[in-house]
Every structure is written in structure tokens, then in C-alpha cells.
Amino acid sequence: MVDRLVIAYGDYWGHWVNAASFFGNVILIASLTTSCRPHGIGGRGVIPPQVMYFSGPSPGSWSI
């Protein structure tokens, strides 16, 4: 992917676009994770129902 960016933007800016997109995605994922966690900074402690749906089975439903 970096090769395509270097071809499109040149050697200098291609690497900067790659680094910016990587760290931008890290920040995006961290902000989404923090906003959905019940103990997030400044959060209300409420997890939206659609997040609960995708979080997997409840611990009481596991069979050993």
C-alpha cells in the first residue's frame, strides 16, 4: 500500500500520508472504544444495545 501512496504522492508525501492514516486510525479506534466502555473517561456508563448485541454470549450461557 505504501508503494501506491509513494507513486501517487511522491517519496516524501507518500510516507507522510501513510503515517498520518495509520495514526489517524489508531485515534479513531481509541475514541470509539473509549466512548463504548462503561468506565470511559467522562462516560455515562451506558453501552448502546447494538454494541451489546455484537459483544458475544453472556458469561452465564457458557457450558463447560
PDB file of N, CA and C in Angstrom:
ATOM      1  N   MET A   1       0.821  -1.186   0.000  1.00  0.00           N
ATOM      2  CA  MET A   1       0.000   0.000   0.000  1.00  0.00           C
ATOM      3  C   MET A   1       0.872   1.260   0.000  1.00  0.00           C
ATOM      4  N   VAL A   2       1.986   1.187   0.694  1.00  0.00           N
ATOM      5  CA  VAL A   2       2.875   2.347   0.750  1.00  0.00           C
ATOM      6  C   VAL A   2       3.403   2.657  -0.649  1.00  0.00           C
ATOM      7  N   ASP A   3       3.659   1.627  -1.442  1.00  0.00           N
ATOM      8  CA  ASP A   3       4.168   1.840  -2.799  1.00  0.00           C
ATOM      9  C   ASP A   3       3.179   2.651  -3.633  1.00  0.00           C
ATOM     10  N   ARG A   4       1.882   2.369  -3.481  1.00  0.00           N
ATOM     11  CA  ARG A   4       0.876   3.110  -4.231  1.00  0.00           C
ATOM     12  C   ARG A   4       0.815   4.567  -3.783  1.00  0.00           C
ATOM     13  N   LEU A   5       0.972   4.788  -2.484  1.00  0.00           N
ATOM     14  CA  LEU A   5       0.974   6.159  -1.983  1.00  0.00           C
ATOM     15  C   LEU A   5       2.205   6.918  -2.458  1.00  0.00           C
ATOM     16  N   VAL A   6       3.342   6.240  -2.499  1.00  0.00           N
ATOM     17  CA  VAL A   6       4.575   6.880  -2.963  1.00  0.00           C
ATOM     18  C   VAL A   6       4.458   7.224  -4.445  1.00  0.00           C
ATOM     19  N   ILE A   7       3.844   6.349  -5.212  1.00  0.00           N
ATOM     20  CA  ILE A   7       3.656   6.634  -6.633  1.00  0.00           C
ATOM     21  C   ILE A   7       2.705   7.816  -6.808  1.00  0.00           C
ATOM     22  N   ALA A   8       1.619   7.837  -6.016  1.00  0.00           N
ATOM     23  CA  ALA A   8       0.606   8.884  -6.165  1.00  0.00           C
ATOM     24  C   ALA A   8       1.079  10.235  -5.635  1.00  0.00           C
ATOM     25  N   TYR A   9       1.770  10.239  -4.476  1.00  0.00           N
ATOM     26  CA  TYR A   9       2.116  11.499  -3.816  1.00  0.00           C
ATOM     27  C   TYR A   9       3.599  11.836  -3.827  1.00  0.00           C
ATOM     28  N   GLY A  10       4.413  10.932  -4.323  1.00  0.00           N
ATOM     29  CA  GLY A  10       5.860  11.162  -4.303  1.00  0.00           C
ATOM     30  C   GLY A  10       6.474  10.512  -3.072  1.00  0.00           C
ATOM     31  N   ASP A  11       7.791  10.467  -3.059  1.00  0.00           N
ATOM     32  CA  ASP A  11       8.505   9.759  -1.990  1.00  0.00           C
ATOM     33  C   ASP A  11       8.265  10.390  -0.617  1.00  0.00           C
ATOM     34  N   TYR A  12       8.385  11.696  -0.525  1.00  0.00           N
ATOM     35  CA  TYR A  12       8.266  12.373   0.772  1.00  0.00           C
ATOM     36  C   TYR A  12       6.831  12.329   1.292  1.00  0.00           C
ATOM     37  N   TRP A  13       5.873  12.819   0.497  1.00  0.00           N
ATOM     38  CA  TRP A  13       4.487  12.920   0.960  1.00  0.00           C
ATOM     39  C   TRP A  13       3.791  11.567   1.035  1.00  0.00           C
ATOM     40  N   GLY A  14       4.211  10.609   0.238  1.00  0.00           N
ATOM     41  CA  GLY A  14       3.617   9.274   0.302  1.00  0.00           C
ATOM     42  C   GLY A  14       3.816   8.626   1.660  1.00  0.00           C
ATOM     43  N   HIS A  15       5.015   8.770   2.219  1.00  0.00           N
ATOM     44  CA  HIS A  15       5.287   8.212   3.547  1.00  0.00           C
ATOM     45  C   HIS A  15       4.554   8.997   4.637  1.00  0.00           C
ATOM     46  N   TRP A  16       4.421  10.304   4.465  1.00  0.00           N
ATOM     47  CA  TRP A  16       3.678  11.101   5.452  1.00  0.00           C
ATOM     48  C   TRP A  16       2.192  10.756   5.442  1.00  0.00           C
ATOM     49  N   VAL A  17       1.622  10.547   4.265  1.00  0.00           N
ATOM     50  CA  VAL A  17       0.207  10.154   4.175  1.00  0.00           C
ATOM     51  C   VAL A  17       0.010   8.790   4.815  1.00  0.00           C
ATOM     52  N   ASN A  18       0.950   7.884   4.611  1.00  0.00           N
ATOM     53  CA  ASN A  18       0.867   6.559   5.228  1.00  0.00           C
ATOM     54  C   ASN A  18       0.901   6.664   6.747  1.00  0.00           C
ATOM     55  N   ALA A  19       1.828   7.435   7.282  1.00  0.00           N
ATOM     56  CA  ALA A  19       1.931   7.582   8.739  1.00  0.00           C
ATOM     57  C   ALA A  19       0.703   8.280   9.312  1.00  0.00           C
ATOM     58  N   ALA A  20       0.218   9.307   8.626  1.00  0.00           N
ATOM     59  CA  ALA A  20      -0.964  10.031   9.112  1.00  0.00           C
ATOM     60  C   ALA A  20      -2.200   9.141   9.105  1.00  0.00           C
ATOM     61  N   SER A  21      -2.364   8.314   8.092  1.00  0.00           N
ATOM     62  CA  SER A  21      -3.532   7.432   8.047  1.00  0.00           C
ATOM     63  C   SER A  21      -3.441   6.357   9.131  1.00  0.00           C
ATOM     64  N   PHE A  22      -2.243   5.854   9.408  1.00  0.00           N
ATOM     65  CA  PHE A  22      -2.087   4.859  10.466  1.00  0.00           C
ATOM     66  C   PHE A  22      -2.460   5.447  11.824  1.00  0.00           C
ATOM     67  N   PHE A  23      -1.857   6.579  12.176  1.00  0.00           N
ATOM     68  CA  PHE A  23      -2.136   7.165  13.483  1.00  0.00           C
ATOM     69  C   PHE A  23      -3.552   7.726  13.567  1.00  0.00           C
ATOM     70  N   GLY A  24      -4.088   8.178  12.453  1.00  0.00           N
ATOM     71  CA  GLY A  24      -5.484   8.612  12.441  1.00  0.00           C
ATOM     72  C   GLY A  24      -6.426   7.472  12.747  1.00  0.00           C
ATOM     73  N   ASN A  25      -6.158   6.297  12.199  1.00  0.00           N
ATOM     74  CA  ASN A  25      -6.981   5.125  12.503  1.00  0.00           C
ATOM     75  C   ASN A  25      -6.825   4.678  13.940  1.00  0.00           C
ATOM     76  N   VAL A  26      -5.623   4.767  14.485  1.00  0.00           N
ATOM     77  CA  VAL A  26      -5.412   4.423  15.894  1.00  0.00           C
ATOM     78  C   VAL A  26      -6.244   5.340  16.791  1.00  0.00           C
ATOM     79  N   ILE A  27      -6.232   6.636  16.496  1.00  0.00           N
ATOM     80  CA  ILE A  27      -7.004   7.595  17.289  1.00  0.00           C
ATOM     81  C   ILE A  27      -8.502   7.343  17.130  1.00  0.00           C
ATOM     82  N   LEU A  28      -8.948   7.038  15.915  1.00  0.00           N
ATOM     83  CA  LEU A  28     -10.362   6.753  15.677  1.00  0.00           C
ATOM     84  C   LEU A  28     -10.818   5.529  16.463  1.00  0.00           C
ATOM     85  N   ILE A  29     -10.062   4.456  16.415  1.00  0.00           N
ATOM     86  CA  ILE A  29     -10.423   3.233  17.141  1.00  0.00           C
ATOM     87  C   ILE A  29     -10.393   3.479  18.641  1.00  0.00           C
ATOM     88  N   ALA A  30      -9.405   4.218  19.129  1.00  0.00           N
ATOM     89  CA  ALA A  30      -9.338   4.507  20.562  1.00  0.00           C
ATOM     90  C   ALA A  30     -10.524   5.344  21.019  1.00  0.00           C
ATOM     91  N   SER A  31     -10.939   6.304  20.207  1.00  0.00           N
ATOM     92  CA  SER A  31     -12.080   7.133  20.607  1.00  0.00           C
ATOM     93  C   SER A  31     -13.374   6.335  20.589  1.00  0.00           C
ATOM     94  N   LEU A  32     -13.538   5.430  19.626  1.00  0.00           N
ATOM     95  CA  LEU A  32     -14.732   4.589  19.600  1.00  0.00           C
ATOM     96  C   LEU A  32     -14.746   3.614  20.763  1.00  0.00           C
ATOM     97  N   THR A  33     -13.595   3.051  21.079  1.00  0.00           N
ATOM     98  CA  THR A  33     -13.511   2.105  22.192  1.00  0.00           C
ATOM     99  C   THR A  33     -13.786   2.810  23.513  1.00  0.00           C
ATOM    100  N   THR A  34     -13.245   3.996  23.704  1.00  0.00           N
ATOM    101  CA  THR A  34     -13.442   4.743  24.937  1.00  0.00           C
ATOM    102  C   THR A  34     -14.890   5.165  25.100  1.00  0.00           C
ATOM    103  N   SER A  35     -15.545   5.535  24.008  1.00  0.00           N
ATOM    104  CA  SER A  35     -16.932   6.001  24.111  1.00  0.00           C
ATOM    105  C   SER A  35     -17.896   4.860  24.409  1.00  0.00           C
ATOM    106  N   CYS A  36     -17.543   3.626  24.104  1.00  0.00           N
ATOM    107  CA  CYS A  36     -18.436   2.492  24.334  1.00  0.00           C
ATOM    108  C   CYS A  36     -18.145   1.764  25.645  1.00  0.00           C
ATOM    109  N   ARG A  37     -17.022   2.071  26.286  1.00  0.00           N
ATOM    110  CA  ARG A  37     -16.685   1.396  27.532  1.00  0.00           C
ATOM    111  C   ARG A  37     -17.452   2.020  28.685  1.00  0.00           C
ATOM    112  N   PRO A  38     -17.948   1.208  29.607  1.00  0.00           N
ATOM    113  CA  PRO A  38     -18.703   1.770  30.726  1.00  0.00           C
ATOM    114  C   PRO A  38     -17.855   2.608  31.674  1.00  0.00           C
ATOM    115  N   HIS A  39     -16.548   2.395  31.706  1.00  0.00           N
ATOM    116  CA  HIS A  39     -15.685   3.142  32.607  1.00  0.00           C
ATOM    117  C   HIS A  39     -14.824   4.141  31.852  1.00  0.00           C
ATOM    118  N   GLY A  40     -15.264   4.555  30.672  1.00  0.00           N
ATOM    119  CA  GLY A  40     -14.516   5.523  29.885  1.00  0.00           C
ATOM    120  C   GLY A  40     -14.473   6.869  30.584  1.00  0.00           C
ATOM    121  N   ILE A  41     -13.496   7.652  30.253  1.00  0.00           N
ATOM    122  CA  ILE A  41     -13.337   8.959  30.879  1.00  0.00           C
ATOM    123  C   ILE A  41     -14.510   9.843  30.485  1.00  0.00           C
ATOM    124  N   GLY A  42     -15.252  10.301  31.460  1.00  0.00           N
ATOM    125  CA  GLY A  42     -16.381  11.174  31.205  1.00  0.00           C
ATOM    126  C   GLY A  42     -17.588  10.472  30.624  1.00  0.00           C
ATOM    127  N   GLY A  43     -17.557   9.139  30.569  1.00  0.00           N
ATOM    128  CA  GLY A  43     -18.680   8.397  30.005  1.00  0.00           C
ATOM    129  C   GLY A  43     -19.824   8.255  30.998  1.00  0.00           C
ATOM    130  N   ARG A  44     -20.980   7.936  30.483  1.00  0.00           N
ATOM    131  CA  ARG A  44     -22.158   7.757  31.321  1.00  0.00           C
ATOM    132  C   ARG A  44     -22.261   6.340  31.862  1.00  0.00           C
ATOM    133  N   GLY A  45     -21.459   5.437  31.355  1.00  0.00           N
ATOM    134  CA  GLY A  45     -21.521   4.062  31.814  1.00  0.00           C
ATOM    135  C   GLY A  45     -22.623   3.265  31.153  1.00  0.00           C
ATOM    136  N   VAL A  46     -23.117   3.725  30.009  1.00  0.00           N
ATOM    137  CA  VAL A  46     -24.188   3.031  29.304  1.00  0.00           C
ATOM    138  C   VAL A  46     -23.645   2.537  27.980  1.00  0.00           C
ATOM    139  N   ILE A  47     -23.799   1.245  27.746  1.00  0.00           N
ATOM    140  CA  ILE A  47     -23.360   0.664  26.485  1.00  0.00           C
ATOM    141  C   ILE A  47     -24.576   0.581  25.571  1.00  0.00           C
ATOM    142  N   PRO A  48     -24.489   1.111  24.354  1.00  0.00           N
ATOM    143  CA  PRO A  48     -25.629   1.049  23.442  1.00  0.00           C
ATOM    144  C   PRO A  48     -26.033  -0.391  23.145  1.00  0.00           C
ATOM    145  N   PRO A  49     -27.324  -0.655  22.920  1.00  0.00           N
ATOM    146  CA  PRO A  49     -27.784  -2.031  22.691  1.00  0.00           C
ATOM    147  C   PRO A  49     -27.133  -2.688  21.486  1.00  0.00           C
ATOM    148  N   GLN A  50     -26.844  -1.934  20.429  1.00  0.00           N
ATOM    149  CA  GLN A  50     -26.226  -2.559  19.262  1.00  0.00           C
ATOM    150  C   GLN A  50     -24.815  -3.037  19.557  1.00  0.00           C
ATOM    151  N   VAL A  51     -24.117  -2.406  20.493  1.00  0.00           N
ATOM    152  CA  VAL A  51     -22.788  -2.864  20.881  1.00  0.00           C
ATOM    153  C   VAL A  51     -22.910  -4.125  21.722  1.00  0.00           C
ATOM    154  N   MET A  52     -23.898  -4.168  22.593  1.00  0.00           N
ATOM    155  CA  MET A  52     -24.121  -5.359  23.407  1.00  0.00           C
ATOM    156  C   MET A  52     -24.465  -6.567  22.538  1.00  0.00           C
ATOM    157  N   TYR A  53     -25.167  -6.338  21.435  1.00  0.00           N
ATOM    158  CA  TYR A  53     -25.556  -7.429  20.549  1.00  0.00           C
ATOM    159  C   TYR A  53     -24.341  -8.107  19.939  1.00  0.00           C
ATOM    160  N   PHE A  54     -23.308  -7.320  19.593  1.00  0.00           N
ATOM    161  CA  PHE A  54     -22.121  -7.873  18.947  1.00  0.00           C
ATOM    162  C   PHE A  54     -21.027  -8.265  19.936  1.00  0.00           C
ATOM    163  N   SER A  55     -21.284  -8.167  21.218  1.00  0.00           N
ATOM    164  CA  SER A  55     -20.220  -8.440  22.177  1.00  0.00           C
ATOM    165  C   SER A  55     -20.061  -9.916  22.520  1.00  0.00           C
ATOM    166  N   GLY A  56     -20.884 -10.784  21.959  1.00  0.00           N
ATOM    167  CA  GLY A  56     -20.736 -12.223  22.189  1.00  0.00           C
ATOM    168  C   GLY A  56     -21.701 -12.721  23.236  1.00  0.00           C
ATOM    169  N   PRO A  57     -21.588 -14.007  23.557  1.00  0.00           N
ATOM    170  CA  PRO A  57     -22.516 -14.606  24.518  1.00  0.00           C
ATOM    171  C   PRO A  57     -22.263 -14.097  25.940  1.00  0.00           C
ATOM    172  N   SER A  58     -23.305 -14.142  26.738  1.00  0.00           N
ATOM    173  CA  SER A  58     -23.132 -13.722  28.129  1.00  0.00           C
ATOM    174  C   SER A  58     -22.376 -14.823  28.877  1.00  0.00           C
ATOM    175  N   PRO A  59     -21.610 -14.470  29.909  1.00  0.00           N
ATOM    176  CA  PRO A  59     -20.795 -15.480  30.619  1.00  0.00           C
ATOM    177  C   PRO A  59     -21.622 -16.594  31.225  1.00  0.00           C
ATOM    178  N   GLY A  60     -22.867 -16.320  31.623  1.00  0.00           N
ATOM    179  CA  GLY A  60     -23.691 -17.369  32.218  1.00  0.00           C
ATOM    180  C   GLY A  60     -24.157 -18.421  31.236  1.00  0.00           C
ATOM    181  N   SER A  61     -24.077 -18.153  29.948  1.00  0.00           N
ATOM    182  CA  SER A  61     -24.573 -19.098  28.949  1.00  0.00           C
ATOM    183  C   SER A  61     -23.499 -20.049  28.452  1.00  0.00           C
ATOM    184  N   TRP A  62     -22.284 -19.924  28.950  1.00  0.00           N
ATOM    185  CA  TRP A  62     -21.210 -20.815  28.516  1.00  0.00           C
ATOM    186  C   TRP A  62     -21.338 -22.158  29.206  1.00  0.00           C
ATOM    187  N   SER A  63     -21.089 -23.227  28.481  1.00  0.00           N
ATOM    188  CA  SER A  63     -21.100 -24.561  29.079  1.00  0.00           C
ATOM    189  C   SER A  63     -19.683 -25.088  29.157  1.00  0.00           C
ATOM    190  N   ILE A  64     -19.380 -25.742  30.250  1.00  0.00           N
ATOM    191  CA  ILE A  64     -18.012 -26.260  30.455  1.00  0.00           C
ATOM    192  C   ILE A  64     -18.018 -27.754  30.260  1.00  0.00           C
TER     193      ILE A  64
END
